Each structure stands twice: as structure tokens, then as C-alpha cells.
All heavy atoms as atom14 arrays in JSON, in Angstrom:
{
  "sequence": "RKAMPQSGNSQADLYYEIPEEGGVTRIMAVFQDVTDVGKIGSIRS",
  "atom14_mask": [
    [1, 1, 1, 1, 1, 1, 1, 1, 1, 1, 1, 0, 0, 0],
    [1, 1, 1, 1, 1, 1, 1, 1, 1, 0, 0, 0, 0, 0],
    [1, 1, 1, 1, 1, 0, 0, 0, 0, 0, 0, 0, 0, 0],
    [1, 1, 1, 1, 1, 1, 1, 1, 0, 0, 0, 0, 0, 0],
    [1, 1, 1, 1, 1, 1, 1, 0, 0, 0, 0, 0, 0, 0],
    [1, 1, 1, 1, 1, 1, 1, 1, 1, 0, 0, 0, 0, 0],
    [1, 1, 1, 1, 1, 1, 0, 0, 0, 0, 0, 0, 0, 0],
    [1, 1, 1, 1, 0, 0, 0, 0, 0, 0, 0, 0, 0, 0],
    [1, 1, 1, 1, 1, 1, 1, 1, 0, 0, 0, 0, 0, 0],
    [1, 1, 1, 1, 1, 1, 0, 0, 0, 0, 0, 0, 0, 0],
    [1, 1, 1, 1, 1, 1, 1, 1, 1, 0, 0, 0, 0, 0],
    [1, 1, 1, 1, 1, 0, 0, 0, 0, 0, 0, 0, 0, 0],
    [1, 1, 1, 1, 1, 1, 1, 1, 0, 0, 0, 0, 0, 0],
    [1, 1, 1, 1, 1, 1, 1, 1, 0, 0, 0, 0, 0, 0],
    [1, 1, 1, 1, 1, 1, 1, 1, 1, 1, 1, 1, 0, 0],
    [1, 1, 1, 1, 1, 1, 1, 1, 1, 1, 1, 1, 0, 0],
    [1, 1, 1, 1, 1, 1, 1, 1, 1, 0, 0, 0, 0, 0],
    [1, 1, 1, 1, 1, 1, 1, 1, 0, 0, 0, 0, 0, 0],
    [1, 1, 1, 1, 1, 1, 1, 0, 0, 0, 0, 0, 0, 0],
    [1, 1, 1, 1, 1, 1, 1, 1, 1, 0, 0, 0, 0, 0],
    [1, 1, 1, 1, 1, 1, 1, 1, 1, 0, 0, 0, 0, 0],
    [1, 1, 1, 1, 0, 0, 0, 0, 0, 0, 0, 0, 0, 0],
    [1, 1, 1, 1, 0, 0, 0, 0, 0, 0, 0, 0, 0, 0],
    [1, 1, 1, 1, 1, 1, 1, 0, 0, 0, 0, 0, 0, 0],
    [1, 1, 1, 1, 1, 1, 1, 0, 0, 0, 0, 0, 0, 0],
    [1, 1, 1, 1, 1, 1, 1, 1, 1, 1, 1, 0, 0, 0],
    [1, 1, 1, 1, 1, 1, 1, 1, 0, 0, 0, 0, 0, 0],
    [1, 1, 1, 1, 1, 1, 1, 1, 0, 0, 0, 0, 0, 0],
    [1, 1, 1, 1, 1, 0, 0, 0, 0, 0, 0, 0, 0, 0],
    [1, 1, 1, 1, 1, 1, 1, 0, 0, 0, 0, 0, 0, 0],
    [1, 1, 1, 1, 1, 1, 1, 1, 1, 1, 1, 0, 0, 0],
    [1, 1, 1, 1, 1, 1, 1, 1, 1, 0, 0, 0, 0, 0],
    [1, 1, 1, 1, 1, 1, 1, 1, 0, 0, 0, 0, 0, 0],
    [1, 1, 1, 1, 1, 1, 1, 0, 0, 0, 0, 0, 0, 0],
    [1, 1, 1, 1, 1, 1, 1, 0, 0, 0, 0, 0, 0, 0],
    [1, 1, 1, 1, 1, 1, 1, 1, 0, 0, 0, 0, 0, 0],
    [1, 1, 1, 1, 1, 1, 1, 0, 0, 0, 0, 0, 0, 0],
    [1, 1, 1, 1, 0, 0, 0, 0, 0, 0, 0, 0, 0, 0],
    [1, 1, 1, 1, 1, 1, 1, 1, 1, 0, 0, 0, 0, 0],
    [1, 1, 1, 1, 1, 1, 1, 1, 0, 0, 0, 0, 0, 0],
    [1, 1, 1, 1, 0, 0, 0, 0, 0, 0, 0, 0, 0, 0],
    [1, 1, 1, 1, 1, 1, 0, 0, 0, 0, 0, 0, 0, 0],
    [1, 1, 1, 1, 1, 1, 1, 1, 0, 0, 0, 0, 0, 0],
    [1, 1, 1, 1, 1, 1, 1, 1, 1, 1, 1, 0, 0, 0],
    [1, 1, 1, 1, 1, 1, 0, 0, 0, 0, 0, 0, 0, 0]
  ],
  "atom14_positions": [
    [[0.82, -1.16, -0.01], [-0.03, 0.03, 0.01], [0.79, 1.28, 0.08], [0.58, 2.24, -0.64], [-0.94, 0.02, 1.2], [-1.85, 1.26, 1.25], [-2.68, 1.2, 2.54], [-1.9, 1.5, 3.71], [-1.6, 2.7, 4.14], [-2.02, 3.82, 3.52], [-0.96, 2.79, 5.3], [0.0, 0.0, 0.0], [0.0, 0.0, 0.0], [0.0, 0.0, 0.0]],
    [[1.85, 1.28, 0.81], [2.8, 2.49, 0.96], [3.61, 2.76, -0.31], [4.17, 3.83, -0.35], [3.64, 2.39, 2.21], [2.82, 2.32, 3.51], [3.76, 2.43, 4.66], [2.94, 2.44, 5.91], [3.86, 2.47, 7.17], [0.0, 0.0, 0.0], [0.0, 0.0, 0.0], [0.0, 0.0, 0.0], [0.0, 0.0, 0.0], [0.0, 0.0, 0.0]],
    [[3.58, 1.74, -1.26], [4.43, 1.92, -2.52], [3.51, 2.36, -3.68], [3.98, 2.68, -4.67], [5.07, 0.64, -2.77], [0.0, 0.0, 0.0], [0.0, 0.0, 0.0], [0.0, 0.0, 0.0], [0.0, 0.0, 0.0], [0.0, 0.0, 0.0], [0.0, 0.0, 0.0], [0.0, 0.0, 0.0], [0.0, 0.0, 0.0], [0.0, 0.0, 0.0]],
    [[2.17, 2.34, -3.55], [1.32, 2.64, -4.69], [1.2, 4.07, -4.85], [1.44, 4.87, -3.97], [-0.03, 2.01, -4.36], [-0.01, 0.52, -4.17], [0.64, -0.37, -5.5], [-0.88, -0.79, -6.4], [0.0, 0.0, 0.0], [0.0, 0.0, 0.0], [0.0, 0.0, 0.0], [0.0, 0.0, 0.0], [0.0, 0.0, 0.0], [0.0, 0.0, 0.0]],
    [[0.9, 4.58, -6.12], [0.54, 3.69, -7.22], [1.85, 3.3, -8.12], [2.87, 3.89, -7.86], [-0.29, 4.59, -8.14], [0.2, 6.03, -7.74], [0.67, 5.95, -6.37], [0.0, 0.0, 0.0], [0.0, 0.0, 0.0], [0.0, 0.0, 0.0], [0.0, 0.0, 0.0], [0.0, 0.0, 0.0], [0.0, 0.0, 0.0], [0.0, 0.0, 0.0]],
    [[1.67, 2.28, -8.92], [2.74, 1.84, -9.81], [2.67, 2.72, -11.08], [1.82, 3.53, -11.31], [2.47, 0.44, -10.19], [2.55, -0.59, -9.08], [2.03, -1.86, -9.48], [1.55, -2.21, -10.51], [2.04, -2.87, -8.52], [0.0, 0.0, 0.0], [0.0, 0.0, 0.0], [0.0, 0.0, 0.0], [0.0, 0.0, 0.0], [0.0, 0.0, 0.0]],
    [[3.79, 2.67, -11.79], [3.96, 3.37, -13.03], [4.25, 2.42, -14.22], [4.9, 1.43, -14.03], [5.11, 4.4, -13.0], [4.85, 5.41, -12.16], [0.0, 0.0, 0.0], [0.0, 0.0, 0.0], [0.0, 0.0, 0.0], [0.0, 0.0, 0.0], [0.0, 0.0, 0.0], [0.0, 0.0, 0.0], [0.0, 0.0, 0.0], [0.0, 0.0, 0.0]],
    [[3.61, 2.68, -15.36], [3.73, 1.93, -16.58], [2.92, 0.69, -16.6], [2.84, -0.06, -17.57], [0.0, 0.0, 0.0], [0.0, 0.0, 0.0], [0.0, 0.0, 0.0], [0.0, 0.0, 0.0], [0.0, 0.0, 0.0], [0.0, 0.0, 0.0], [0.0, 0.0, 0.0], [0.0, 0.0, 0.0], [0.0, 0.0, 0.0], [0.0, 0.0, 0.0]],
    [[2.23, 0.32, -15.46], [1.55, -0.87, -15.39], [0.29, -0.94, -16.28], [-0.23, -2.07, -16.72], [1.08, -1.04, -13.93], [0.37, 0.04, -13.32], [0.73, 1.15, -13.57], [-0.58, -0.12, -12.41], [0.0, 0.0, 0.0], [0.0, 0.0, 0.0], [0.0, 0.0, 0.0], [0.0, 0.0, 0.0], [0.0, 0.0, 0.0], [0.0, 0.0, 0.0]],
    [[-0.17, 0.24, -16.75], [-1.38, 0.18, -17.62], [-0.95, -0.37, -19.05], [-1.83, -0.74, -19.85], [-1.94, 1.57, -17.74], [-0.96, 2.48, -18.4], [0.0, 0.0, 0.0], [0.0, 0.0, 0.0], [0.0, 0.0, 0.0], [0.0, 0.0, 0.0], [0.0, 0.0, 0.0], [0.0, 0.0, 0.0], [0.0, 0.0, 0.0], [0.0, 0.0, 0.0]],
    [[0.36, -0.33, -19.34], [0.76, -0.87, -20.65], [1.11, -2.43, -20.62], [1.41, -2.95, -21.7], [1.99, -0.09, -21.07], [1.81, 1.41, -21.2], [0.7, 1.79, -22.1], [0.65, 1.4, -23.26], [-0.31, 2.51, -21.59], [0.0, 0.0, 0.0], [0.0, 0.0, 0.0], [0.0, 0.0, 0.0], [0.0, 0.0, 0.0], [0.0, 0.0, 0.0]],
    [[0.95, -3.04, -19.54], [1.21, -4.46, -19.46], [0.15, -5.22, -20.13], [-1.02, -4.71, -20.22], [1.36, -4.84, -18.05], [0.0, 0.0, 0.0], [0.0, 0.0, 0.0], [0.0, 0.0, 0.0], [0.0, 0.0, 0.0], [0.0, 0.0, 0.0], [0.0, 0.0, 0.0], [0.0, 0.0, 0.0], [0.0, 0.0, 0.0], [0.0, 0.0, 0.0]],
    [[0.38, -6.39, -20.55], [-0.62, -7.28, -21.25], [-1.21, -8.32, -20.41], [-2.3, -8.8, -20.59], [0.06, -7.94, -22.45], [0.55, -6.98, -23.47], [-0.24, -6.06, -23.97], [1.81, -7.02, -23.8], [0.0, 0.0, 0.0], [0.0, 0.0, 0.0], [0.0, 0.0, 0.0], [0.0, 0.0, 0.0], [0.0, 0.0, 0.0], [0.0, 0.0, 0.0]],
    [[-0.46, -8.84, -19.38], [-0.78, -9.89, -18.48], [-0.29, -9.59, -17.03], [0.88, -9.1, -16.93], [-0.15, -11.19, -19.08], [-0.11, -12.47, -18.3], [-1.59, -12.87, -18.11], [0.64, -13.52, -18.97], [0.0, 0.0, 0.0], [0.0, 0.0, 0.0], [0.0, 0.0, 0.0], [0.0, 0.0, 0.0], [0.0, 0.0, 0.0], [0.0, 0.0, 0.0]],
    [[-1.01, -9.94, -16.07], [-0.72, -9.69, -14.68], [-0.84, -10.95, -13.9], [-1.81, -11.69, -14.07], [-1.54, -8.58, -14.07], [-1.77, -7.41, -14.85], [-2.58, -7.16, -15.88], [-0.92, -6.2, -14.51], [-2.66, -6.05, -16.59], [-1.01, -5.07, -15.18], [-1.97, -4.96, -16.25], [-2.04, -3.78, -16.93], [0.0, 0.0, 0.0], [0.0, 0.0, 0.0]],
    [[0.29, -11.3, -13.12], [0.15, -12.36, -12.13], [0.28, -11.76, -10.83], [1.18, -11.02, -10.51], [1.25, -13.36, -12.32], [1.08, -14.25, -13.48], [1.8, -13.89, -14.64], [0.46, -15.53, -13.46], [1.86, -14.68, -15.74], [0.44, -16.3, -14.59], [1.09, -15.95, -15.8], [1.1, -16.71, -16.91], [0.0, 0.0, 0.0], [0.0, 0.0, 0.0]],
    [[-0.69, -12.05, -9.77], [-0.55, -11.68, -8.4], [-0.53, -12.86, -7.56], [-1.45, -13.68, -7.65], [-1.65, -10.57, -8.07], [-1.4, -10.1, -6.65], [-2.23, -8.82, -6.38], [-3.09, -8.44, -7.12], [-1.93, -8.18, -5.19], [0.0, 0.0, 0.0], [0.0, 0.0, 0.0], [0.0, 0.0, 0.0], [0.0, 0.0, 0.0], [0.0, 0.0, 0.0]],
    [[0.38, -12.97, -6.61], [0.6, -14.07, -5.76], [1.07, -13.6, -4.38], [1.71, -12.63, -4.24], [1.67, -15.03, -6.29], [1.4, -15.29, -7.77], [1.6, -16.3, -5.52], [2.5, -16.19, -8.48], [0.0, 0.0, 0.0], [0.0, 0.0, 0.0], [0.0, 0.0, 0.0], [0.0, 0.0, 0.0], [0.0, 0.0, 0.0], [0.0, 0.0, 0.0]],
    [[0.53, -14.25, -3.37], [0.95, -13.94, -1.91], [2.56, -14.12, -1.77], [3.13, -15.01, -2.44], [0.22, -14.84, -1.04], [-0.94, -15.37, -1.81], [-0.42, -15.4, -3.27], [0.0, 0.0, 0.0], [0.0, 0.0, 0.0], [0.0, 0.0, 0.0], [0.0, 0.0, 0.0], [0.0, 0.0, 0.0], [0.0, 0.0, 0.0], [0.0, 0.0, 0.0]],
    [[3.02, -13.37, -0.88], [4.39, -13.55, -0.35], [4.34, -13.64, 1.14], [3.29, -13.66, 1.76], [5.37, -12.53, -0.75], [5.62, -12.5, -2.31], [6.82, -11.6, -2.68], [7.31, -10.84, -1.82], [7.23, -11.67, -3.84], [0.0, 0.0, 0.0], [0.0, 0.0, 0.0], [0.0, 0.0, 0.0], [0.0, 0.0, 0.0], [0.0, 0.0, 0.0]],
    [[5.53, -13.78, 1.78], [5.56, -13.93, 3.16], [4.98, -12.62, 3.91], [5.03, -11.7, 3.39], [6.98, -14.26, 3.75], [7.97, -13.05, 3.39], [8.67, -13.27, 2.04], [8.12, -14.08, 1.17], [9.65, -12.59, 1.71], [0.0, 0.0, 0.0], [0.0, 0.0, 0.0], [0.0, 0.0, 0.0], [0.0, 0.0, 0.0], [0.0, 0.0, 0.0]],
    [[4.4, -12.94, 5.07], [3.84, -11.76, 5.82], [2.47, -11.33, 5.36], [1.96, -10.26, 5.91], [0.0, 0.0, 0.0], [0.0, 0.0, 0.0], [0.0, 0.0, 0.0], [0.0, 0.0, 0.0], [0.0, 0.0, 0.0], [0.0, 0.0, 0.0], [0.0, 0.0, 0.0], [0.0, 0.0, 0.0], [0.0, 0.0, 0.0], [0.0, 0.0, 0.0]],
    [[1.93, -12.02, 4.38], [0.56, -11.61, 3.89], [0.59, -10.69, 2.82], [-0.42, -10.4, 2.17], [0.0, 0.0, 0.0], [0.0, 0.0, 0.0], [0.0, 0.0, 0.0], [0.0, 0.0, 0.0], [0.0, 0.0, 0.0], [0.0, 0.0, 0.0], [0.0, 0.0, 0.0], [0.0, 0.0, 0.0], [0.0, 0.0, 0.0], [0.0, 0.0, 0.0]],
    [[1.72, -10.1, 2.45], [1.9, -9.16, 1.29], [1.7, -9.98, 0.0], [1.77, -11.17, -0.09], [3.13, -8.34, 1.32], [3.23, -7.66, 2.71], [4.35, -9.15, 1.11], [0.0, 0.0, 0.0], [0.0, 0.0, 0.0], [0.0, 0.0, 0.0], [0.0, 0.0, 0.0], [0.0, 0.0, 0.0], [0.0, 0.0, 0.0], [0.0, 0.0, 0.0]],
    [[1.53, -9.27, -1.04], [1.6, -9.91, -2.41], [2.57, -9.14, -3.24], [3.07, -8.05, -2.94], [0.18, -9.71, -3.11], [-0.04, -8.41, -3.45], [-0.93, -10.45, -2.22], [0.0, 0.0, 0.0], [0.0, 0.0, 0.0], [0.0, 0.0, 0.0], [0.0, 0.0, 0.0], [0.0, 0.0, 0.0], [0.0, 0.0, 0.0], [0.0, 0.0, 0.0]],
    [[2.85, -9.74, -4.44], [3.6, -8.99, -5.45], [2.95, -9.31, -6.74], [2.32, -10.33, -7.03], [5.04, -9.66, -5.5], [6.0, -8.7, -6.31], [7.27, -8.32, -5.66], [6.96, -7.68, -4.45], [7.95, -7.59, -3.44], [9.08, -8.19, -3.49], [7.58, -6.87, -2.32], [0.0, 0.0, 0.0], [0.0, 0.0, 0.0], [0.0, 0.0, 0.0]],
    [[3.1, -8.33, -7.74], [2.42, -8.43, -9.03], [3.65, -8.57, -10.05], [4.64, -7.77, -10.1], [1.63, -7.24, -9.34], [0.5, -7.15, -8.35], [1.18, -7.28, -10.86], [-0.3, -5.82, -8.51], [0.0, 0.0, 0.0], [0.0, 0.0, 0.0], [0.0, 0.0, 0.0], [0.0, 0.0, 0.0], [0.0, 0.0, 0.0], [0.0, 0.0, 0.0]],
    [[3.55, -9.66, -10.95], [4.43, -9.73, -12.04], [3.7, -9.25, -13.29], [2.72, -9.86, -13.74], [4.96, -11.11, -12.27], [6.01, -11.24, -13.33], [6.84, -12.86, -13.45], [5.56, -13.74, -14.32], [0.0, 0.0, 0.0], [0.0, 0.0, 0.0], [0.0, 0.0, 0.0], [0.0, 0.0, 0.0], [0.0, 0.0, 0.0], [0.0, 0.0, 0.0]],
    [[4.01, -8.01, -13.84], [3.39, -7.41, -14.93], [4.15, -7.87, -16.19], [5.46, -7.61, -16.27], [3.27, -5.93, -14.85], [0.0, 0.0, 0.0], [0.0, 0.0, 0.0], [0.0, 0.0, 0.0], [0.0, 0.0, 0.0], [0.0, 0.0, 0.0], [0.0, 0.0, 0.0], [0.0, 0.0, 0.0], [0.0, 0.0, 0.0], [0.0, 0.0, 0.0]],
    [[3.44, -8.43, -17.25], [4.19, -8.98, -18.44], [3.93, -8.02, -19.54], [2.7, -7.87, -19.88], [3.76, -10.41, -18.63], [4.72, -10.98, -19.75], [4.05, -11.34, -17.45], [0.0, 0.0, 0.0], [0.0, 0.0, 0.0], [0.0, 0.0, 0.0], [0.0, 0.0, 0.0], [0.0, 0.0, 0.0], [0.0, 0.0, 0.0], [0.0, 0.0, 0.0]],
    [[5.05, -7.58, -20.21], [4.83, -6.67, -21.4], [5.43, -7.42, -22.59], [6.48, -7.84, -22.67], [5.64, -5.46, -21.31], [5.28, -4.51, -20.0], [5.69, -4.98, -18.72], [4.63, -3.36, -20.21], [5.44, -4.2, -17.65], [4.32, -2.59, -18.99], [4.74, -3.0, -17.81], [0.0, 0.0, 0.0], [0.0, 0.0, 0.0], [0.0, 0.0, 0.0]],
    [[4.52, -7.61, -23.57], [5.01, -8.13, -24.85], [6.01, -7.14, -25.6], [6.95, -7.6, -26.14], [3.91, -8.52, -25.83], [4.37, -9.29, -27.05], [4.98, -10.59, -26.84], [4.57, -11.25, -25.94], [5.98, -10.89, -27.68], [0.0, 0.0, 0.0], [0.0, 0.0, 0.0], [0.0, 0.0, 0.0], [0.0, 0.0, 0.0], [0.0, 0.0, 0.0]],
    [[5.77, -5.86, -25.37], [6.55, -4.89, -25.97], [6.57, -3.66, -24.94], [5.53, -3.25, -24.6], [6.04, -4.5, -27.38], [6.82, -3.42, -28.05], [8.12, -3.29, -27.73], [6.34, -2.71, -28.95], [0.0, 0.0, 0.0], [0.0, 0.0, 0.0], [0.0, 0.0, 0.0], [0.0, 0.0, 0.0], [0.0, 0.0, 0.0], [0.0, 0.0, 0.0]],
    [[7.82, -3.31, -24.62], [7.87, -2.11, -23.72], [8.16, -0.73, -24.38], [8.39, 0.21, -23.76], [8.97, -2.29, -22.6], [8.62, -3.53, -21.69], [10.31, -2.52, -23.16], [0.0, 0.0, 0.0], [0.0, 0.0, 0.0], [0.0, 0.0, 0.0], [0.0, 0.0, 0.0], [0.0, 0.0, 0.0], [0.0, 0.0, 0.0], [0.0, 0.0, 0.0]],
    [[8.19, -0.78, -25.75], [8.39, 0.42, -26.5], [7.54, 1.59, -26.12], [6.36, 1.42, -26.05], [8.29, 0.26, -28.01], [9.14, -0.91, -28.37], [8.6, 1.42, -28.83], [0.0, 0.0, 0.0], [0.0, 0.0, 0.0], [0.0, 0.0, 0.0], [0.0, 0.0, 0.0], [0.0, 0.0, 0.0], [0.0, 0.0, 0.0], [0.0, 0.0, 0.0]],
    [[8.19, 2.67, -25.69], [7.47, 3.98, -25.34], [6.56, 3.77, -24.11], [5.79, 4.69, -23.78], [6.48, 4.44, -26.51], [7.35, 4.77, -27.79], [8.4, 5.21, -27.59], [6.81, 4.58, -28.88], [0.0, 0.0, 0.0], [0.0, 0.0, 0.0], [0.0, 0.0, 0.0], [0.0, 0.0, 0.0], [0.0, 0.0, 0.0], [0.0, 0.0, 0.0]],
    [[6.85, 2.78, -23.26], [6.11, 2.66, -21.97], [6.61, 3.75, -21.05], [5.81, 4.36, -20.24], [6.2, 1.31, -21.28], [5.69, 1.39, -19.93], [5.63, 0.28, -22.17], [0.0, 0.0, 0.0], [0.0, 0.0, 0.0], [0.0, 0.0, 0.0], [0.0, 0.0, 0.0], [0.0, 0.0, 0.0], [0.0, 0.0, 0.0], [0.0, 0.0, 0.0]],
    [[7.92, 4.07, -21.05], [8.43, 5.08, -20.17], [8.84, 4.61, -18.82], [9.49, 3.57, -18.69], [0.0, 0.0, 0.0], [0.0, 0.0, 0.0], [0.0, 0.0, 0.0], [0.0, 0.0, 0.0], [0.0, 0.0, 0.0], [0.0, 0.0, 0.0], [0.0, 0.0, 0.0], [0.0, 0.0, 0.0], [0.0, 0.0, 0.0], [0.0, 0.0, 0.0]],
    [[8.45, 5.19, -17.83], [8.79, 4.92, -16.46], [8.09, 3.62, -15.94], [6.83, 3.58, -16.05], [8.48, 6.1, -15.53], [8.74, 5.89, -14.11], [8.35, 7.17, -13.33], [8.62, 7.02, -11.85], [8.2, 8.22, -11.12], [0.0, 0.0, 0.0], [0.0, 0.0, 0.0], [0.0, 0.0, 0.0], [0.0, 0.0, 0.0], [0.0, 0.0, 0.0]],
    [[8.85, 2.77, -15.44], [8.2, 1.43, -14.89], [8.71, 1.17, -13.53], [9.9, 1.21, -13.27], [8.61, 0.32, -15.87], [8.2, 0.47, -17.38], [8.02, -1.06, -15.29], [8.68, -0.49, -18.33], [0.0, 0.0, 0.0], [0.0, 0.0, 0.0], [0.0, 0.0, 0.0], [0.0, 0.0, 0.0], [0.0, 0.0, 0.0], [0.0, 0.0, 0.0]],
    [[7.73, 0.94, -12.61], [8.03, 0.57, -11.29], [6.93, 0.91, -10.31], [5.82, 1.26, -10.74], [0.0, 0.0, 0.0], [0.0, 0.0, 0.0], [0.0, 0.0, 0.0], [0.0, 0.0, 0.0], [0.0, 0.0, 0.0], [0.0, 0.0, 0.0], [0.0, 0.0, 0.0], [0.0, 0.0, 0.0], [0.0, 0.0, 0.0], [0.0, 0.0, 0.0]],
    [[7.12, 0.99, -9.04], [8.44, 0.62, -8.45], [8.74, -0.9, -8.5], [7.73, -1.68, -8.53], [8.64, 1.09, -7.03], [7.62, 0.57, -6.19], [0.0, 0.0, 0.0], [0.0, 0.0, 0.0], [0.0, 0.0, 0.0], [0.0, 0.0, 0.0], [0.0, 0.0, 0.0], [0.0, 0.0, 0.0], [0.0, 0.0, 0.0], [0.0, 0.0, 0.0]],
    [[9.99, -1.21, -8.61], [10.46, -2.58, -8.86], [10.88, -3.24, -7.54], [11.61, -2.64, -6.79], [11.47, -2.66, -9.98], [10.88, -2.04, -11.31], [12.03, -4.01, -10.15], [11.8, -1.85, -12.38], [0.0, 0.0, 0.0], [0.0, 0.0, 0.0], [0.0, 0.0, 0.0], [0.0, 0.0, 0.0], [0.0, 0.0, 0.0], [0.0, 0.0, 0.0]],
    [[10.53, -4.52, -7.38], [10.95, -5.2, -6.18], [11.51, -6.55, -6.44], [11.69, -6.83, -7.6], [9.72, -5.25, -5.16], [9.31, -3.92, -4.61], [10.43, -3.2, -3.75], [10.87, -4.06, -2.66], [10.2, -4.05, -1.35], [9.21, -3.2, -1.17], [10.73, -4.76, -0.39], [0.0, 0.0, 0.0], [0.0, 0.0, 0.0], [0.0, 0.0, 0.0]],
    [[11.57, -7.34, -5.43], [12.33, -8.56, -5.47], [11.5, -9.75, -6.09], [10.14, -9.58, -6.22], [12.81, -9.04, -4.19], [11.78, -9.16, -3.28], [0.0, 0.0, 0.0], [0.0, 0.0, 0.0], [0.0, 0.0, 0.0], [0.0, 0.0, 0.0], [0.0, 0.0, 0.0], [0.0, 0.0, 0.0], [0.0, 0.0, 0.0], [0.0, 0.0, 0.0]]
  ]
}
């Protein structure tokens, strides 16, 4: 929550969201092409 909003995520084609430790989640955003997307993040582990 404290990291939102993300940037560049609207240009992704596919999203996977899965839990991690401590109850948090992470999103893997998949881009077939990142041309002209610009700023992407914030990026984590």
C-alpha cells in the first residue's frame, strides 16, 4: 500500500498476483513490448 501507485502498469498485457511472506503480495506485470512505456516501477524482488 505504501508503495502505490505503480507506473507503466497500464501498458502491461498480463498480470500475475501471488502472496508472499507476511501476507503481502507481489505483481508480475508482463509486457510483450515495452516500447514507449516510459517509467516502470516501483520494482521489487
